[in-house]
C-alpha atoms as a PDB file:
ATOM      1  CA  UNK A   1      88.187  66.112  40.935  1.00  0.00           C
ATOM      2  CA  UNK A   2      88.927  69.864  41.114  1.00  0.00           C
ATOM      3  CA  UNK A   3      85.353  71.166  40.967  1.00  0.00           C
ATOM      4  CA  UNK A   4      84.504  70.696  44.644  1.00  0.00           C
ATOM      5  CA  UNK A   5      87.436  72.725  46.067  1.00  0.00           C
ATOM      6  CA  UNK A   6      86.825  75.460  43.482  1.00  0.00           C
ATOM      7  CA  UNK A   7      83.127  75.540  44.403  1.00  0.00           C
ATOM      8  CA  UNK A   8      84.008  75.711  48.111  1.00  0.00           C
ATOM      9  CA  UNK A   9      86.400  78.596  47.399  1.00  0.00           C
ATOM     10  CA  UNK A  10      83.694  80.419  45.449  1.00  0.00           C
ATOM     11  CA  UNK A  11      81.121  79.940  48.213  1.00  0.00           C
ATOM     12  CA  UNK A  12      83.668  81.288  50.698  1.00  0.00           C
ATOM     13  CA  UNK A  13      84.156  84.381  48.523  1.00  0.00           C
ATOM     14  CA  UNK A  14      80.412  84.999  48.299  1.00  0.00           C
ATOM     15  CA  UNK A  15      80.183  84.633  52.077  1.00  0.00           C
ATOM     16  CA  UNK A  16      83.077  87.081  52.535  1.00  0.00           C
ATOM     17  CA  UNK A  17      81.372  89.705  50.369  1.00  0.00           C
ATOM     18  CA  UNK A  18      78.099  89.256  52.275  1.00  0.00           C
ATOM     19  CA  UNK A  19      79.932  89.622  55.601  1.00  0.00           C
ATOM     20  CA  UNK A  20      81.821  92.703  54.369  1.00  0.00           C
ATOM     21  CA  UNK A  21      78.604  94.365  53.164  1.00  0.00           C
ATOM     22  CA  UNK A  22      75.834  93.058  55.445  1.00  0.00           C
ATOM     23  CA  UNK A  23      73.510  95.965  54.623  1.00  0.00           C
ATOM     24  CA  UNK A  24      73.762  95.369  50.845  1.00  0.00           C
ATOM     25  CA  UNK A  25      72.053  92.887  48.554  1.00  0.00           C
ATOM     26  CA  UNK A  26      74.614  90.373  47.302  1.00  0.00           C
ATOM     27  CA  UNK A  27      73.553  88.027  44.513  1.00  0.00           C
ATOM     28  CA  UNK A  28      75.631  85.170  43.184  1.00  0.00           C
ATOM     29  CA  UNK A  29      75.360  84.049  39.565  1.00  0.00           C
ATOM     30  CA  UNK A  30      73.375  87.102  38.509  1.00  0.00           C
ATOM     31  CA  UNK A  31      72.276  87.919  34.968  1.00  0.00           C
ATOM     32  CA  UNK A  32      71.461  91.630  34.846  1.00  0.00           C
ATOM     33  CA  UNK A  33      69.520  92.521  31.700  1.00  0.00           C
ATOM     34  CA  UNK A  34      72.207  94.960  30.557  1.00  0.00           C
ATOM     35  CA  UNK A  35      74.739  92.105  30.414  1.00  0.00           C
ATOM     36  CA  UNK A  36      72.851  90.096  27.802  1.00  0.00           C
ATOM     37  CA  UNK A  37      73.535  86.357  27.946  1.00  0.00           C
ATOM     38  CA  UNK A  38      76.560  86.733  30.221  1.00  0.00           C
ATOM     39  CA  UNK A  39      76.480  86.482  34.004  1.00  0.00           C
ATOM     40  CA  UNK A  40      78.353  87.865  36.974  1.00  0.00           C
ATOM     41  CA  UNK A  41      79.707  85.601  39.693  1.00  0.00           C
ATOM     42  CA  UNK A  42      78.841  88.102  42.430  1.00  0.00           C
ATOM     43  CA  UNK A  43      76.675  91.190  41.950  1.00  0.00           C
ATOM     44  CA  UNK A  44      75.728  94.061  44.239  1.00  0.00           C
ATOM     45  CA  UNK A  45      72.810  95.466  42.223  1.00  0.00           C
ATOM     46  CA  UNK A  46      72.131  98.584  44.283  1.00  0.00           C
ATOM     47  CA  UNK A  47      75.724  99.730  43.708  1.00  0.00           C
ATOM     48  CA  UNK A  48      75.920  98.256  40.186  1.00  0.00           C
ATOM     49  CA  UNK A  49      79.103  96.388  41.164  1.00  0.00           C
ATOM     50  CA  UNK A  50      80.002  93.029  39.649  1.00  0.00           C
ATOM     51  CA  UNK A  51      82.739  90.684  40.822  1.00  0.00           C
ATOM     52  CA  UNK A  52      84.168  87.874  38.726  1.00  0.00           C
ATOM     53  CA  UNK A  53      85.883  85.039  40.553  1.00  0.00           C
ATOM     54  CA  UNK A  54      88.842  83.406  38.828  1.00  0.00           C
ATOM     55  CA  UNK A  55      89.741  80.211  40.655  1.00  0.00           C
ATOM     56  CA  UNK A  56      93.290  78.962  40.700  1.00  0.00           C
ATOM     57  CA  UNK A  57      93.782  76.085  38.311  1.00  0.00           C
ATOM     58  CA  UNK A  58      94.706  72.679  39.606  1.00  0.00           C
ATOM     59  CA  UNK A  59      98.089  73.013  37.880  1.00  0.00           C
ATOM     60  CA  UNK A  60      98.879  76.137  39.906  1.00  0.00           C
ATOM     61  CA  UNK A  61      98.370  74.389  43.251  1.00  0.00           C
END
């Protein structure tokens, strides 16, 4: 099942962003009002920066 490794990779990326910007708010799976029904994987709201995480597919491994 590929979901667990992908989830672990995503959690590691969120952790990396939080470590890189310890003084900033870092939100995962954020839905800012200006984005409508869509969401951002990682969002730094005070800087208005969104990060989308595209995991490698199982076929690419």
